[in-house]
Amino acid sequence: MPVVSEPRERLLRTAAGLFYSEGIGRVGIDRLVSEGQVTRATFYRHFPSKDDLVVAYLRAEDQKLRTGLAGLTDRALSPADSLRAIAHGIGDGICRPGFRGCPFINAAAEYPDPEHPVRQVVSEHRAWFLDTVMAIIGQISPGEAEIAGRQFVMMRDGAMVAGYTEQPEVAVRSLHEGTERLLSQLAR
């Protein structure tokens, strides 16, 4: 378990902002140390390498998303409403200022080796999200859970990329319409 300290948390916050807004590869350790207001020794005491910091950043993002998704689905009245809530939560994120896509898709693009620790965190997060969506869909139509879950995740991925590279409102509308079509098919 990592040592929790104010300098470590400050480095994580700094890294999260810079990695998300500028890209992981574009941000060097010197900048992280400077903007995180720590010494190099403090950096390396908490993170033996930049990759270790990237892993910690993605794990923190994963935890935030898990907590946020649980909050959305806990309030839903039905499994269909849970799926809608997830789609609306994604849409809200896409439309917020500074949106730059999915941090996990972005990290995967920068770390192509599937065996790299960063990609392992990406894979774990994506597997959790797919499993969560499949569990919800399985309550609606058990026989369709896997294929419909994969379709929803692909719609989410497409909306995240389109929301960053094109028009966010169009991406969100497409995600919401696609979710309703998927739910309509599952109800048959």
N, C-alpha and C. Protein backbone atom coordinates (compact mmCIF):
# COMPACT_ATOMS: atom_id res chain seq x y z
N MET A 1 0.85 -1.18 0.00
CA MET A 1 0.00 0.00 0.00
C MET A 1 0.89 1.24 0.00
N PRO A 2 0.63 2.19 -0.95
CA PRO A 2 1.47 3.39 -0.99
C PRO A 2 1.27 4.26 0.24
N VAL A 3 2.35 4.94 0.60
CA VAL A 3 2.29 5.88 1.72
C VAL A 3 1.48 7.08 1.28
N VAL A 4 0.46 7.42 2.06
CA VAL A 4 -0.36 8.58 1.75
C VAL A 4 0.26 9.78 2.43
N SER A 5 0.60 10.77 1.63
CA SER A 5 1.16 12.00 2.17
C SER A 5 0.68 13.16 1.31
N GLU A 6 0.75 14.35 1.86
CA GLU A 6 0.31 15.52 1.11
C GLU A 6 1.14 15.70 -0.16
N PRO A 7 2.48 15.57 -0.13
CA PRO A 7 3.25 15.71 -1.37
C PRO A 7 2.87 14.65 -2.42
N ARG A 8 2.61 13.43 -1.98
CA ARG A 8 2.20 12.37 -2.94
C ARG A 8 0.87 12.73 -3.58
N GLU A 9 -0.08 13.16 -2.76
CA GLU A 9 -1.40 13.53 -3.29
C GLU A 9 -1.30 14.74 -4.21
N ARG A 10 -0.45 15.69 -3.87
CA ARG A 10 -0.25 16.86 -4.73
C ARG A 10 0.35 16.45 -6.07
N LEU A 11 1.31 15.53 -6.03
CA LEU A 11 1.88 15.02 -7.28
C LEU A 11 0.82 14.32 -8.12
N LEU A 12 0.00 13.52 -7.49
CA LEU A 12 -1.08 12.83 -8.21
C LEU A 12 -2.06 13.82 -8.83
N ARG A 13 -2.45 14.84 -8.08
CA ARG A 13 -3.37 15.85 -8.62
C ARG A 13 -2.73 16.59 -9.79
N THR A 14 -1.47 16.94 -9.63
CA THR A 14 -0.75 17.64 -10.70
C THR A 14 -0.66 16.75 -11.93
N ALA A 15 -0.27 15.50 -11.72
CA ALA A 15 -0.15 14.57 -12.84
C ALA A 15 -1.49 14.37 -13.52
N ALA A 16 -2.54 14.21 -12.74
CA ALA A 16 -3.87 13.98 -13.33
C ALA A 16 -4.24 15.14 -14.25
N GLY A 17 -4.05 16.35 -13.80
CA GLY A 17 -4.40 17.50 -14.62
C GLY A 17 -3.55 17.59 -15.88
N LEU A 18 -2.26 17.41 -15.72
CA LEU A 18 -1.35 17.54 -16.87
C LEU A 18 -1.48 16.36 -17.83
N PHE A 19 -1.52 15.14 -17.30
CA PHE A 19 -1.63 13.97 -18.17
C PHE A 19 -2.91 14.02 -18.98
N TYR A 20 -4.00 14.41 -18.33
CA TYR A 20 -5.29 14.43 -19.03
C TYR A 20 -5.34 15.55 -20.07
N SER A 21 -4.88 16.73 -19.71
CA SER A 21 -5.01 17.87 -20.62
C SER A 21 -3.97 17.89 -21.73
N GLU A 22 -2.78 17.34 -21.46
CA GLU A 22 -1.70 17.46 -22.44
C GLU A 22 -1.21 16.13 -23.00
N GLY A 23 -1.50 15.05 -22.31
CA GLY A 23 -0.99 13.74 -22.74
C GLY A 23 0.15 13.31 -21.85
N ILE A 24 0.22 12.03 -21.58
CA ILE A 24 1.21 11.50 -20.65
C ILE A 24 2.63 11.72 -21.15
N GLY A 25 2.86 11.40 -22.41
CA GLY A 25 4.21 11.49 -22.96
C GLY A 25 4.75 12.90 -23.07
N ARG A 26 3.88 13.88 -23.11
CA ARG A 26 4.30 15.27 -23.26
C ARG A 26 4.72 15.91 -21.94
N VAL A 27 4.47 15.24 -20.84
CA VAL A 27 4.75 15.81 -19.52
C VAL A 27 5.93 15.08 -18.90
N GLY A 28 7.01 15.81 -18.67
CA GLY A 28 8.20 15.21 -18.10
C GLY A 28 8.24 15.31 -16.58
N ILE A 29 9.17 14.58 -16.02
CA ILE A 29 9.34 14.57 -14.56
C ILE A 29 9.70 15.96 -14.04
N ASP A 30 10.56 16.69 -14.76
CA ASP A 30 10.94 18.03 -14.30
C ASP A 30 9.71 18.92 -14.13
N ARG A 31 8.80 18.83 -15.07
CA ARG A 31 7.58 19.65 -14.98
C ARG A 31 6.69 19.18 -13.84
N LEU A 32 6.56 17.88 -13.67
CA LEU A 32 5.76 17.34 -12.57
C LEU A 32 6.31 17.78 -11.21
N VAL A 33 7.62 17.73 -11.08
CA VAL A 33 8.28 18.15 -9.84
C VAL A 33 8.05 19.65 -9.61
N SER A 34 8.22 20.44 -10.66
CA SER A 34 8.07 21.89 -10.54
C SER A 34 6.62 22.27 -10.20
N GLU A 35 5.69 21.78 -10.98
CA GLU A 35 4.29 22.17 -10.76
C GLU A 35 3.68 21.49 -9.54
N GLY A 36 4.22 20.33 -9.16
CA GLY A 36 3.75 19.65 -7.96
C GLY A 36 4.39 20.19 -6.69
N GLN A 37 5.35 21.09 -6.88
CA GLN A 37 6.06 21.75 -5.77
C GLN A 37 6.67 20.73 -4.81
N VAL A 38 7.40 19.79 -5.40
CA VAL A 38 8.14 18.80 -4.61
C VAL A 38 9.56 18.72 -5.16
N THR A 39 10.41 18.08 -4.41
CA THR A 39 11.77 17.85 -4.89
C THR A 39 11.79 16.55 -5.70
N ARG A 40 12.85 16.38 -6.47
CA ARG A 40 13.02 15.12 -7.20
C ARG A 40 13.08 13.94 -6.23
N ALA A 41 13.75 14.14 -5.11
CA ALA A 41 13.84 13.06 -4.12
C ALA A 41 12.46 12.67 -3.61
N THR A 42 11.61 13.66 -3.38
CA THR A 42 10.24 13.36 -2.94
C THR A 42 9.49 12.62 -4.03
N PHE A 43 9.64 13.07 -5.27
CA PHE A 43 8.99 12.37 -6.39
C PHE A 43 9.37 10.90 -6.37
N TYR A 44 10.68 10.63 -6.38
CA TYR A 44 11.16 9.24 -6.47
C TYR A 44 10.90 8.42 -5.20
N ARG A 45 10.73 9.09 -4.09
CA ARG A 45 10.39 8.37 -2.87
C ARG A 45 8.97 7.79 -3.00
N HIS A 46 8.09 8.53 -3.64
CA HIS A 46 6.70 8.08 -3.79
C HIS A 46 6.47 7.29 -5.07
N PHE A 47 7.22 7.61 -6.12
CA PHE A 47 7.03 6.95 -7.42
C PHE A 47 8.41 6.64 -8.00
N PRO A 48 8.83 5.39 -7.95
CA PRO A 48 10.17 5.03 -8.44
C PRO A 48 10.41 5.41 -9.91
N SER A 49 9.32 5.57 -10.68
CA SER A 49 9.45 5.98 -12.07
C SER A 49 8.20 6.74 -12.49
N LYS A 50 8.28 7.38 -13.63
CA LYS A 50 7.10 8.07 -14.16
C LYS A 50 5.99 7.06 -14.43
N ASP A 51 6.35 5.88 -14.92
CA ASP A 51 5.34 4.85 -15.17
C ASP A 51 4.58 4.49 -13.90
N ASP A 52 5.27 4.47 -12.77
CA ASP A 52 4.58 4.20 -11.50
C ASP A 52 3.57 5.30 -11.18
N LEU A 53 3.92 6.54 -11.50
CA LEU A 53 2.99 7.65 -11.31
C LEU A 53 1.80 7.50 -12.27
N VAL A 54 2.05 7.11 -13.51
CA VAL A 54 0.96 6.92 -14.47
C VAL A 54 0.01 5.83 -13.98
N VAL A 55 0.55 4.74 -13.47
CA VAL A 55 -0.29 3.67 -12.93
C VAL A 55 -1.13 4.20 -11.77
N ALA A 56 -0.52 4.96 -10.87
CA ALA A 56 -1.26 5.51 -9.72
C ALA A 56 -2.35 6.48 -10.20
N TYR A 57 -2.03 7.30 -11.19
CA TYR A 57 -3.01 8.23 -11.77
C TYR A 57 -4.20 7.45 -12.33
N LEU A 58 -3.95 6.40 -13.11
CA LEU A 58 -5.04 5.63 -13.71
C LEU A 58 -5.84 4.88 -12.65
N ARG A 59 -5.18 4.39 -11.63
CA ARG A 59 -5.91 3.71 -10.55
C ARG A 59 -6.84 4.70 -9.82
N ALA A 60 -6.37 5.92 -9.63
CA ALA A 60 -7.20 6.95 -9.00
C ALA A 60 -8.39 7.30 -9.90
N GLU A 61 -8.15 7.41 -11.20
CA GLU A 61 -9.24 7.68 -12.14
C GLU A 61 -10.25 6.53 -12.13
N ASP A 62 -9.75 5.31 -12.10
CA ASP A 62 -10.62 4.13 -12.05
C ASP A 62 -11.51 4.18 -10.81
N GLN A 63 -10.93 4.51 -9.68
CA GLN A 63 -11.71 4.55 -8.44
C GLN A 63 -12.78 5.64 -8.50
N LYS A 64 -12.43 6.81 -9.06
CA LYS A 64 -13.42 7.88 -9.20
C LYS A 64 -14.57 7.44 -10.09
N LEU A 65 -14.25 6.76 -11.18
CA LEU A 65 -15.30 6.31 -12.10
C LEU A 65 -16.16 5.22 -11.48
N ARG A 66 -15.56 4.32 -10.74
CA ARG A 66 -16.34 3.28 -10.06
C ARG A 66 -17.31 3.90 -9.05
N THR A 67 -16.80 4.84 -8.28
CA THR A 67 -17.64 5.51 -7.29
C THR A 67 -18.76 6.29 -7.96
N GLY A 68 -18.42 7.02 -9.01
CA GLY A 68 -19.43 7.80 -9.73
C GLY A 68 -20.49 6.92 -10.36
N LEU A 69 -20.08 5.81 -10.96
CA LEU A 69 -21.04 4.91 -11.59
C LEU A 69 -21.94 4.28 -10.55
N ALA A 70 -21.40 3.90 -9.43
CA ALA A 70 -22.22 3.33 -8.36
C ALA A 70 -23.26 4.34 -7.90
N GLY A 71 -22.87 5.60 -7.80
CA GLY A 71 -23.82 6.63 -7.40
C GLY A 71 -24.94 6.79 -8.41
N LEU A 72 -24.62 6.67 -9.69
CA LEU A 72 -25.64 6.78 -10.74
C LEU A 72 -26.60 5.60 -10.70
N THR A 73 -26.06 4.40 -10.62
CA THR A 73 -26.91 3.21 -10.71
C THR A 73 -27.67 2.94 -9.42
N ASP A 74 -27.15 3.37 -8.28
CA ASP A 74 -27.84 3.16 -7.01
C ASP A 74 -29.18 3.90 -6.96
N ARG A 75 -29.27 5.00 -7.68
CA ARG A 75 -30.50 5.80 -7.68
C ARG A 75 -31.50 5.34 -8.73
N ALA A 76 -31.08 4.46 -9.63
CA ALA A 76 -31.96 4.04 -10.73
C ALA A 76 -33.06 3.11 -10.22
N LEU A 77 -34.22 3.22 -10.85
CA LEU A 77 -35.38 2.42 -10.46
C LEU A 77 -35.41 1.05 -11.14
N SER A 78 -34.70 0.92 -12.24
CA SER A 78 -34.71 -0.34 -12.99
C SER A 78 -33.36 -0.52 -13.67
N PRO A 79 -33.06 -1.73 -14.15
CA PRO A 79 -31.82 -1.93 -14.91
C PRO A 79 -31.75 -1.03 -16.14
N ALA A 80 -32.87 -0.85 -16.83
CA ALA A 80 -32.87 0.04 -18.00
C ALA A 80 -32.53 1.47 -17.58
N ASP A 81 -33.07 1.90 -16.46
CA ASP A 81 -32.75 3.23 -15.96
C ASP A 81 -31.28 3.33 -15.55
N SER A 82 -30.70 2.24 -15.06
CA SER A 82 -29.28 2.23 -14.73
C SER A 82 -28.44 2.47 -15.98
N LEU A 83 -28.78 1.78 -17.07
CA LEU A 83 -28.03 1.95 -18.31
C LEU A 83 -28.20 3.37 -18.84
N ARG A 84 -29.41 3.89 -18.75
CA ARG A 84 -29.64 5.29 -19.17
C ARG A 84 -28.82 6.25 -18.30
N ALA A 85 -28.78 5.99 -17.00
CA ALA A 85 -28.03 6.86 -16.09
C ALA A 85 -26.55 6.85 -16.44
N ILE A 86 -26.02 5.68 -16.78
CA ILE A 86 -24.61 5.60 -17.18
C ILE A 86 -24.40 6.41 -18.44
N ALA A 87 -25.28 6.25 -19.43
CA ALA A 87 -25.15 7.01 -20.68
C ALA A 87 -25.23 8.51 -20.43
N HIS A 88 -26.14 8.93 -19.55
CA HIS A 88 -26.26 10.35 -19.25
C HIS A 88 -25.04 10.86 -18.48
N GLY A 89 -24.51 10.05 -17.58
CA GLY A 89 -23.29 10.43 -16.88
C GLY A 89 -22.12 10.61 -17.83
N ILE A 90 -22.00 9.70 -18.79
CA ILE A 90 -20.95 9.81 -19.81
C ILE A 90 -21.17 11.09 -20.61
N GLY A 91 -22.41 11.32 -21.00
CA GLY A 91 -22.73 12.53 -21.76
C GLY A 91 -22.39 13.80 -21.01
N ASP A 92 -22.69 13.82 -19.73
CA ASP A 92 -22.35 15.00 -18.91
C ASP A 92 -20.84 15.24 -18.93
N GLY A 93 -20.06 14.16 -18.85
CA GLY A 93 -18.61 14.29 -18.89
C GLY A 93 -18.11 14.82 -20.22
N ILE A 94 -18.71 14.31 -21.30
CA ILE A 94 -18.30 14.72 -22.64
C ILE A 94 -18.54 16.22 -22.85
N CYS A 95 -19.59 16.76 -22.27
CA CYS A 95 -19.94 18.16 -22.48
C CYS A 95 -19.26 19.12 -21.50
N ARG A 96 -18.50 18.61 -20.57
CA ARG A 96 -17.88 19.53 -19.61
C ARG A 96 -16.67 20.23 -20.24
N PRO A 97 -16.38 21.45 -19.81
CA PRO A 97 -15.22 22.17 -20.35
C PRO A 97 -13.93 21.39 -20.08
N GLY A 98 -13.04 21.40 -21.03
CA GLY A 98 -11.75 20.72 -20.87
C GLY A 98 -11.79 19.24 -21.18
N PHE A 99 -12.94 18.73 -21.66
CA PHE A 99 -13.03 17.30 -21.97
C PHE A 99 -12.03 16.96 -23.06
N ARG A 100 -11.28 15.90 -22.81
CA ARG A 100 -10.25 15.47 -23.75
C ARG A 100 -10.30 13.96 -23.95
N GLY A 101 -11.47 13.39 -23.87
CA GLY A 101 -11.62 11.97 -24.11
C GLY A 101 -11.47 11.15 -22.85
N CYS A 102 -11.39 9.86 -23.06
CA CYS A 102 -11.27 8.90 -21.96
C CYS A 102 -9.80 8.76 -21.55
N PRO A 103 -9.49 8.94 -20.27
CA PRO A 103 -8.09 8.82 -19.85
C PRO A 103 -7.52 7.42 -20.11
N PHE A 104 -8.38 6.41 -20.13
CA PHE A 104 -7.90 5.04 -20.35
C PHE A 104 -7.63 4.78 -21.83
N ILE A 105 -8.49 5.28 -22.69
CA ILE A 105 -8.23 5.17 -24.13
C ILE A 105 -6.99 5.98 -24.48
N ASN A 106 -6.86 7.17 -23.90
CA ASN A 106 -5.69 8.00 -24.16
C ASN A 106 -4.41 7.29 -23.71
N ALA A 107 -4.44 6.69 -22.54
CA ALA A 107 -3.24 5.99 -22.03
C ALA A 107 -2.92 4.78 -22.91
N ALA A 108 -3.94 4.05 -23.33
CA ALA A 108 -3.71 2.88 -24.19
C ALA A 108 -3.03 3.30 -25.49
N ALA A 109 -3.40 4.46 -26.02
CA ALA A 109 -2.79 4.95 -27.25
C ALA A 109 -1.31 5.27 -27.05
N GLU A 110 -0.94 5.67 -25.85
CA GLU A 110 0.45 6.03 -25.58
C GLU A 110 1.30 4.85 -25.11
N TYR A 111 0.66 3.77 -24.70
CA TYR A 111 1.37 2.58 -24.21
C TYR A 111 0.88 1.37 -25.00
N PRO A 112 1.46 1.11 -26.17
CA PRO A 112 0.94 0.05 -27.04
C PRO A 112 1.20 -1.38 -26.57
N ASP A 113 2.17 -1.58 -25.70
CA ASP A 113 2.52 -2.94 -25.26
C ASP A 113 1.46 -3.45 -24.27
N PRO A 114 0.70 -4.49 -24.64
CA PRO A 114 -0.35 -4.98 -23.75
C PRO A 114 0.17 -5.55 -22.43
N GLU A 115 1.46 -5.83 -22.34
CA GLU A 115 2.04 -6.36 -21.11
C GLU A 115 2.56 -5.27 -20.18
N HIS A 116 2.60 -4.05 -20.64
CA HIS A 116 3.09 -2.94 -19.83
C HIS A 116 2.14 -2.71 -18.65
N PRO A 117 2.66 -2.36 -17.47
CA PRO A 117 1.80 -2.13 -16.30
C PRO A 117 0.70 -1.09 -16.54
N VAL A 118 0.98 -0.06 -17.32
CA VAL A 118 -0.05 0.94 -17.62
C VAL A 118 -1.19 0.28 -18.39
N ARG A 119 -0.86 -0.51 -19.40
CA ARG A 119 -1.90 -1.18 -20.18
C ARG A 119 -2.65 -2.21 -19.34
N GLN A 120 -2.00 -2.78 -18.36
CA GLN A 120 -2.68 -3.72 -17.47
C GLN A 120 -3.78 -3.00 -16.68
N VAL A 121 -3.48 -1.80 -16.22
CA VAL A 121 -4.49 -1.02 -15.49
C VAL A 121 -5.63 -0.65 -16.44
N VAL A 122 -5.30 -0.27 -17.66
CA VAL A 122 -6.32 0.05 -18.67
C VAL A 122 -7.21 -1.17 -18.88
N SER A 123 -6.60 -2.32 -19.06
CA SER A 123 -7.37 -3.56 -19.29
C SER A 123 -8.25 -3.91 -18.10
N GLU A 124 -7.73 -3.76 -16.90
CA GLU A 124 -8.53 -4.03 -15.70
C GLU A 124 -9.74 -3.11 -15.63
N HIS A 125 -9.52 -1.83 -15.91
CA HIS A 125 -10.63 -0.87 -15.87
C HIS A 125 -11.68 -1.21 -16.92
N ARG A 126 -11.25 -1.50 -18.12
CA ARG A 126 -12.19 -1.79 -19.20
C ARG A 126 -12.94 -3.09 -18.93
N ALA A 127 -12.28 -4.07 -18.36
CA ALA A 127 -12.96 -5.33 -18.01
C ALA A 127 -14.02 -5.08 -16.93
N TRP A 128 -13.67 -4.27 -15.93
CA TRP A 128 -14.65 -3.93 -14.89
C TRP A 128 -15.86 -3.23 -15.50
N PHE A 129 -15.63 -2.26 -16.38
CA PHE A 129 -16.74 -1.52 -16.96
C PHE A 129 -17.62 -2.45 -17.79
N LEU A 130 -17.01 -3.27 -18.62
CA LEU A 130 -17.79 -4.22 -19.43
C LEU A 130 -18.57 -5.16 -18.52
N ASP A 131 -17.94 -5.71 -17.51
CA ASP A 131 -18.64 -6.62 -16.58
C ASP A 131 -19.82 -5.93 -15.90
N THR A 132 -19.63 -4.67 -15.52
CA THR A 132 -20.69 -3.91 -14.87
C THR A 132 -21.87 -3.72 -15.81
N VAL A 133 -21.58 -3.32 -17.03
CA VAL A 133 -22.64 -3.11 -18.03
C VAL A 133 -23.34 -4.44 -18.35
N MET A 134 -22.56 -5.51 -18.50
CA MET A 134 -23.16 -6.81 -18.80
C MET A 134 -24.06 -7.28 -17.66
N ALA A 135 -23.68 -7.01 -16.43
CA ALA A 135 -24.52 -7.40 -15.28
C ALA A 135 -25.84 -6.65 -15.31
N ILE A 136 -25.80 -5.38 -15.66
CA ILE A 136 -27.03 -4.59 -15.74
C ILE A 136 -27.90 -5.12 -16.88
N ILE A 137 -27.31 -5.31 -18.04
CA ILE A 137 -28.07 -5.80 -19.19
C ILE A 137 -28.58 -7.21 -18.93
N GLY A 138 -27.82 -8.01 -18.21
CA GLY A 138 -28.26 -9.37 -17.88
C GLY A 138 -29.54 -9.39 -17.07
N GLN A 139 -29.81 -8.32 -16.34
CA GLN A 139 -31.07 -8.22 -15.59
C GLN A 139 -32.24 -7.93 -16.52
N ILE A 140 -31.95 -7.39 -17.68
CA ILE A 140 -32.98 -7.07 -18.67
C ILE A 140 -33.21 -8.26 -19.60
N SER A 141 -32.10 -8.79 -20.13
CA SER A 141 -32.17 -9.87 -21.10
C SER A 141 -30.91 -10.73 -20.96
N PRO A 142 -30.95 -11.74 -20.08
CA PRO A 142 -29.75 -12.51 -19.77
C PRO A 142 -29.01 -13.08 -21.00
N GLY A 143 -29.74 -13.52 -21.98
CA GLY A 143 -29.10 -14.12 -23.14
C GLY A 143 -28.38 -13.13 -24.03
N GLU A 144 -28.65 -11.86 -23.83
CA GLU A 144 -28.04 -10.81 -24.67
C GLU A 144 -26.97 -10.02 -23.93
N ALA A 145 -26.68 -10.39 -22.70
CA ALA A 145 -25.81 -9.57 -21.85
C ALA A 145 -24.45 -9.30 -22.48
N GLU A 146 -23.80 -10.34 -22.99
CA GLU A 146 -22.44 -10.12 -23.49
C GLU A 146 -22.42 -9.27 -24.75
N ILE A 147 -23.19 -9.65 -25.76
CA ILE A 147 -23.14 -8.89 -27.01
C ILE A 147 -23.66 -7.47 -26.83
N ALA A 148 -24.76 -7.31 -26.10
CA ALA A 148 -25.31 -5.97 -25.88
C ALA A 148 -24.37 -5.15 -25.00
N GLY A 149 -23.72 -5.78 -24.03
CA GLY A 149 -22.74 -5.08 -23.21
C GLY A 149 -21.58 -4.56 -24.04
N ARG A 150 -21.09 -5.41 -24.92
CA ARG A 150 -19.99 -4.99 -25.81
C ARG A 150 -20.44 -3.86 -26.74
N GLN A 151 -21.67 -3.93 -27.21
CA GLN A 151 -22.19 -2.86 -28.07
C GLN A 151 -22.25 -1.54 -27.30
N PHE A 152 -22.73 -1.59 -26.07
CA PHE A 152 -22.81 -0.37 -25.27
C PHE A 152 -21.41 0.21 -25.03
N VAL A 153 -20.45 -0.65 -24.70
CA VAL A 153 -19.09 -0.16 -24.46
C VAL A 153 -18.51 0.46 -25.74
N MET A 154 -18.80 -0.15 -26.88
CA MET A 154 -18.32 0.44 -28.14
C MET A 154 -18.99 1.79 -28.41
N MET A 155 -20.28 1.91 -28.10
CA MET A 155 -20.94 3.21 -28.26
C MET A 155 -20.31 4.23 -27.34
N ARG A 156 -20.02 3.83 -26.11
CA ARG A 156 -19.38 4.72 -25.14
C ARG A 156 -18.01 5.16 -25.65
N ASP A 157 -17.22 4.20 -26.14
CA ASP A 157 -15.90 4.54 -26.66
C ASP A 157 -16.00 5.51 -27.83
N GLY A 158 -16.91 5.23 -28.75
CA GLY A 158 -17.09 6.11 -29.89
C GLY A 158 -17.54 7.49 -29.48
N ALA A 159 -18.45 7.57 -28.52
CA ALA A 159 -18.92 8.86 -28.04
C ALA A 159 -17.79 9.65 -27.38
N MET A 160 -16.95 8.95 -26.63
CA MET A 160 -15.83 9.63 -25.97
C MET A 160 -14.86 10.22 -27.00
N VAL A 161 -14.54 9.44 -28.02
CA VAL A 161 -13.62 9.93 -29.05
C VAL A 161 -14.28 11.04 -29.86
N ALA A 162 -15.52 10.82 -30.30
CA ALA A 162 -16.21 11.83 -31.09
C ALA A 162 -16.46 13.10 -30.27
N GLY A 163 -16.73 12.93 -28.99
CA GLY A 163 -16.95 14.09 -28.14
C GLY A 163 -15.74 14.98 -28.01
N TYR A 164 -14.58 14.39 -28.16
CA TYR A 164 -13.34 15.16 -28.07
C TYR A 164 -12.91 15.69 -29.43
N THR A 165 -13.05 14.87 -30.46
CA THR A 165 -12.52 15.24 -31.76
C THR A 165 -13.53 15.97 -32.65
N GLU A 166 -14.79 15.87 -32.31
CA GLU A 166 -15.82 16.48 -33.17
C GLU A 166 -16.74 17.36 -32.34
N GLN A 167 -18.03 17.14 -32.48
CA GLN A 167 -19.02 17.96 -31.77
C GLN A 167 -19.57 17.19 -30.58
N PRO A 168 -19.30 17.65 -29.37
CA PRO A 168 -19.75 16.92 -28.18
C PRO A 168 -21.26 16.68 -28.14
N GLU A 169 -22.03 17.68 -28.51
CA GLU A 169 -23.48 17.54 -28.44
C GLU A 169 -23.98 16.43 -29.35
N VAL A 170 -23.40 16.32 -30.54
CA VAL A 170 -23.78 15.28 -31.49
C VAL A 170 -23.39 13.91 -30.94
N ALA A 171 -22.21 13.82 -30.36
CA ALA A 171 -21.75 12.55 -29.78
C ALA A 171 -22.67 12.10 -28.66
N VAL A 172 -23.07 13.04 -27.81
CA VAL A 172 -23.95 12.71 -26.68
C VAL A 172 -25.33 12.29 -27.18
N ARG A 173 -25.86 13.03 -28.12
CA ARG A 173 -27.17 12.68 -28.67
C ARG A 173 -27.12 11.28 -29.29
N SER A 174 -26.06 10.98 -30.02
CA SER A 174 -25.92 9.66 -30.64
C SER A 174 -25.82 8.56 -29.58
N LEU A 175 -25.10 8.82 -28.50
CA LEU A 175 -24.99 7.84 -27.42
C LEU A 175 -26.35 7.60 -26.77
N HIS A 176 -27.09 8.67 -26.51
CA HIS A 176 -28.41 8.52 -25.88
C HIS A 176 -29.37 7.79 -26.82
N GLU A 177 -29.37 8.15 -28.09
CA GLU A 177 -30.26 7.47 -29.05
C GLU A 177 -29.86 6.00 -29.21
N GLY A 178 -28.57 5.74 -29.27
CA GLY A 178 -28.10 4.36 -29.38
C GLY A 178 -28.47 3.54 -28.16
N THR A 179 -28.40 4.14 -26.99
CA THR A 179 -28.79 3.45 -25.76
C THR A 179 -30.27 3.10 -25.79
N GLU A 180 -31.09 4.03 -26.23
CA GLU A 180 -32.53 3.75 -26.32
C GLU A 180 -32.84 2.66 -27.33
N ARG A 181 -32.13 2.67 -28.46
CA ARG A 181 -32.33 1.60 -29.45
C ARG A 181 -31.91 0.25 -28.87
N LEU A 182 -30.80 0.23 -28.18
CA LEU A 182 -30.32 -1.01 -27.56
C LEU A 182 -31.34 -1.51 -26.54
N LEU A 183 -31.84 -0.62 -25.71
CA LEU A 183 -32.84 -1.02 -24.72
C LEU A 183 -34.13 -1.52 -25.39
N SER A 184 -34.50 -0.89 -26.47
CA SER A 184 -35.70 -1.32 -27.22
C SER A 184 -35.51 -2.74 -27.77
N GLN A 185 -34.33 -3.01 -28.29
CA GLN A 185 -34.04 -4.36 -28.80
C GLN A 185 -34.05 -5.38 -27.67
N LEU A 186 -33.52 -5.01 -26.53
CA LEU A 186 -33.47 -5.93 -25.40
C LEU A 186 -34.87 -6.23 -24.84
N ALA A 187 -35.78 -5.29 -25.00
CA ALA A 187 -37.14 -5.46 -24.46
C ALA A 187 -37.99 -6.40 -25.31
N ARG A 188 -37.54 -6.73 -26.51
CA ARG A 188 -38.32 -7.59 -27.40
C ARG A 188 -38.36 -9.01 -26.93
